[in-house]
Amino acid sequence: MSDHSGDGGAYMGWFLFGAALGAAAALLLAPKTGRETRELLSSGDLARRAQAIATEAQGRAGELLDKSRELFEEQTQRLMGAFEAGKDAMREEMKKGPTPPRG
């Protein structure tokens, strides 16, 4: 299995980039006067806030991805341990031979 570390954060970043583009298109196509739209776009505040939110979301997505990988590894190790214990118990019972029928 290949290691794709950071892919989740990258996808989230692209998702937020697309959302920002969609928001910009909505602003441009909204029924506002040209002056209002130009003032909104020229301030640059909207773009800076969108970039800050996208950066923060990308960081959080990366953290969540790392935590989920750790949890997955923990659970996998627990499952493998339980599986091995079951196999060992089965081998021990098979060494004892057949058990007499009950009843």
C-alpha atoms as a PDB file:
ATOM      1  CA  MET A   1       0.000   0.000   0.000  1.00  0.00           C
ATOM      2  CA  SER A   2       1.471   3.357  -0.952  1.00  0.00           C
ATOM      3  CA  ASP A   3       1.781   6.249   1.461  1.00  0.00           C
ATOM      4  CA  HIS A   4      -0.341   9.247   0.477  1.00  0.00           C
ATOM      5  CA  SER A   5       0.362  11.465   3.467  1.00  0.00           C
ATOM      6  CA  GLY A   6      -1.102  14.918   3.095  1.00  0.00           C
ATOM      7  CA  ASP A   7      -3.611  13.961   0.403  1.00  0.00           C
ATOM      8  CA  GLY A   8      -6.582  14.726   2.649  1.00  0.00           C
ATOM      9  CA  GLY A   9      -5.295  18.207   3.369  1.00  0.00           C
ATOM     10  CA  ALA A  10      -4.585  18.809  -0.307  1.00  0.00           C
ATOM     11  CA  TYR A  11      -8.087  17.743  -1.283  1.00  0.00           C
ATOM     12  CA  MET A  12      -9.556  20.011   1.371  1.00  0.00           C
ATOM     13  CA  GLY A  13      -7.429  22.881   0.108  1.00  0.00           C
ATOM     14  CA  TRP A  14      -8.632  22.377  -3.457  1.00  0.00           C
ATOM     15  CA  PHE A  15     -12.211  22.066  -2.231  1.00  0.00           C
ATOM     16  CA  LEU A  16     -11.960  25.375  -0.389  1.00  0.00           C
ATOM     17  CA  PHE A  17     -10.256  26.985  -3.373  1.00  0.00           C
ATOM     18  CA  GLY A  18     -13.205  25.918  -5.528  1.00  0.00           C
ATOM     19  CA  ALA A  19     -15.611  27.231  -2.907  1.00  0.00           C
ATOM     20  CA  ALA A  20     -13.824  30.587  -2.944  1.00  0.00           C
ATOM     21  CA  LEU A  21     -14.033  30.701  -6.743  1.00  0.00           C
ATOM     22  CA  GLY A  22     -17.736  29.877  -6.539  1.00  0.00           C
ATOM     23  CA  ALA A  23     -18.247  32.645  -4.005  1.00  0.00           C
ATOM     24  CA  ALA A  24     -16.414  35.105  -6.242  1.00  0.00           C
ATOM     25  CA  ALA A  25     -18.577  34.074  -9.207  1.00  0.00           C
ATOM     26  CA  ALA A  26     -21.691  34.526  -7.082  1.00  0.00           C
ATOM     27  CA  LEU A  27     -20.549  38.011  -6.142  1.00  0.00           C
ATOM     28  CA  LEU A  28     -19.928  38.913  -9.746  1.00  0.00           C
ATOM     29  CA  LEU A  29     -23.276  37.541 -10.883  1.00  0.00           C
ATOM     30  CA  ALA A  30     -25.297  38.882  -7.948  1.00  0.00           C
ATOM     31  CA  PRO A  31     -27.802  41.646  -8.679  1.00  0.00           C
ATOM     32  CA  LYS A  32     -25.765  44.483  -7.186  1.00  0.00           C
ATOM     33  CA  THR A  33     -24.670  47.707  -8.703  1.00  0.00           C
ATOM     34  CA  GLY A  34     -21.256  47.789 -10.300  1.00  0.00           C
ATOM     35  CA  ARG A  35     -19.998  50.185  -7.649  1.00  0.00           C
ATOM     36  CA  GLU A  36     -21.034  47.862  -4.795  1.00  0.00           C
ATOM     37  CA  THR A  37     -19.429  44.839  -6.402  1.00  0.00           C
ATOM     38  CA  ARG A  38     -16.195  46.707  -7.215  1.00  0.00           C
ATOM     39  CA  GLU A  39     -15.953  47.974  -3.637  1.00  0.00           C
ATOM     40  CA  LEU A  40     -16.457  44.456  -2.314  1.00  0.00           C
ATOM     41  CA  LEU A  41     -13.824  42.946  -4.599  1.00  0.00           C
ATOM     42  CA  SER A  42     -11.268  45.764  -4.372  1.00  0.00           C
ATOM     43  CA  SER A  43     -11.052  45.668  -0.590  1.00  0.00           C
ATOM     44  CA  GLY A  44      -9.206  42.333  -0.767  1.00  0.00           C
ATOM     45  CA  ASP A  45     -10.498  41.499   2.691  1.00  0.00           C
ATOM     46  CA  LEU A  46     -12.725  38.761   1.321  1.00  0.00           C
ATOM     47  CA  ALA A  47      -9.831  37.034  -0.441  1.00  0.00           C
ATOM     48  CA  ARG A  48      -7.580  37.250   2.622  1.00  0.00           C
ATOM     49  CA  ARG A  49     -10.259  35.800   4.869  1.00  0.00           C
ATOM     50  CA  ALA A  50     -10.975  33.000   2.394  1.00  0.00           C
ATOM     51  CA  GLN A  51      -7.266  32.188   2.191  1.00  0.00           C
ATOM     52  CA  ALA A  52      -6.918  32.162   5.982  1.00  0.00           C
ATOM     53  CA  ILE A  53      -9.928  29.877   6.358  1.00  0.00           C
ATOM     54  CA  ALA A  54      -8.623  27.566   3.627  1.00  0.00           C
ATOM     55  CA  THR A  55      -5.197  27.364   5.269  1.00  0.00           C
ATOM     56  CA  GLU A  56      -6.693  26.621   8.676  1.00  0.00           C
ATOM     57  CA  ALA A  57      -9.034  23.978   7.248  1.00  0.00           C
ATOM     58  CA  GLN A  58      -6.184  22.338   5.383  1.00  0.00           C
ATOM     59  CA  GLY A  59      -4.144  22.144   8.575  1.00  0.00           C
ATOM     60  CA  ARG A  60      -7.039  20.670  10.518  1.00  0.00           C
ATOM     61  CA  ALA A  61      -7.757  18.150   7.770  1.00  0.00           C
ATOM     62  CA  GLY A  62      -4.132  17.026   7.901  1.00  0.00           C
ATOM     63  CA  GLU A  63      -4.299  16.645  11.688  1.00  0.00           C
ATOM     64  CA  LEU A  64      -7.513  14.639  11.455  1.00  0.00           C
ATOM     65  CA  LEU A  65      -6.007  12.422   8.784  1.00  0.00           C
ATOM     66  CA  ASP A  66      -2.980  11.726  10.972  1.00  0.00           C
ATOM     67  CA  LYS A  67      -5.162  10.931  13.989  1.00  0.00           C
ATOM     68  CA  SER A  68      -7.384   8.622  11.965  1.00  0.00           C
ATOM     69  CA  ARG A  69      -4.340   6.764  10.640  1.00  0.00           C
ATOM     70  CA  GLU A  70      -3.024   6.301  14.173  1.00  0.00           C
ATOM     71  CA  LEU A  71      -6.401   5.023  15.350  1.00  0.00           C
ATOM     72  CA  PHE A  72      -6.615   2.665  12.385  1.00  0.00           C
ATOM     73  CA  GLU A  73      -3.163   1.263  13.155  1.00  0.00           C
ATOM     74  CA  GLU A  74      -4.102   0.772  16.824  1.00  0.00           C
ATOM     75  CA  GLN A  75      -7.290  -1.065  15.959  1.00  0.00           C
ATOM     76  CA  THR A  76      -5.508  -3.178  13.369  1.00  0.00           C
ATOM     77  CA  GLN A  77      -2.917  -4.240  15.948  1.00  0.00           C
ATOM     78  CA  ARG A  78      -5.647  -5.105  18.460  1.00  0.00           C
ATOM     79  CA  LEU A  79      -7.505  -7.152  15.882  1.00  0.00           C
ATOM     80  CA  MET A  80      -4.373  -8.999  14.815  1.00  0.00           C
ATOM     81  CA  GLY A  81      -3.568  -9.750  18.467  1.00  0.00           C
ATOM     82  CA  ALA A  82      -7.057 -11.141  19.063  1.00  0.00           C
ATOM     83  CA  PHE A  83      -6.840 -13.189  15.876  1.00  0.00           C
ATOM     84  CA  GLU A  84      -3.491 -14.680  16.897  1.00  0.00           C
ATOM     85  CA  ALA A  85      -4.828 -15.478  20.392  1.00  0.00           C
ATOM     86  CA  GLY A  86      -7.775 -17.270  18.793  1.00  0.00           C
ATOM     87  CA  LYS A  87      -5.485 -19.272  16.546  1.00  0.00           C
ATOM     88  CA  ASP A  88      -3.324 -20.246  19.518  1.00  0.00           C
ATOM     89  CA  ALA A  89      -6.377 -21.314  21.521  1.00  0.00           C
ATOM     90  CA  MET A  90      -7.614 -23.388  18.612  1.00  0.00           C
ATOM     91  CA  ARG A  91      -4.223 -25.114  18.275  1.00  0.00           C
ATOM     92  CA  GLU A  92      -4.200 -25.925  21.987  1.00  0.00           C
ATOM     93  CA  GLU A  93      -7.667 -27.452  21.768  1.00  0.00           C
ATOM     94  CA  MET A  94      -6.676 -29.479  18.721  1.00  0.00           C
ATOM     95  CA  LYS A  95      -3.622 -30.842  20.601  1.00  0.00           C
ATOM     96  CA  LYS A  96      -5.908 -32.090  23.378  1.00  0.00           C
ATOM     97  CA  GLY A  97      -7.729 -34.274  20.915  1.00  0.00           C
ATOM     98  CA  PRO A  98     -11.442 -34.778  20.371  1.00  0.00           C
ATOM     99  CA  THR A  99     -13.739 -34.096  23.305  1.00  0.00           C
ATOM    100  CA  PRO A 100     -16.325 -36.678  24.300  1.00  0.00           C
ATOM    101  CA  PRO A 101     -19.909 -35.815  23.407  1.00  0.00           C
ATOM    102  CA  ARG A 102     -22.008 -34.243  26.121  1.00  0.00           C
ATOM    103  CA  GLY A 103     -25.272 -35.559  27.295  1.00  0.00           C
END
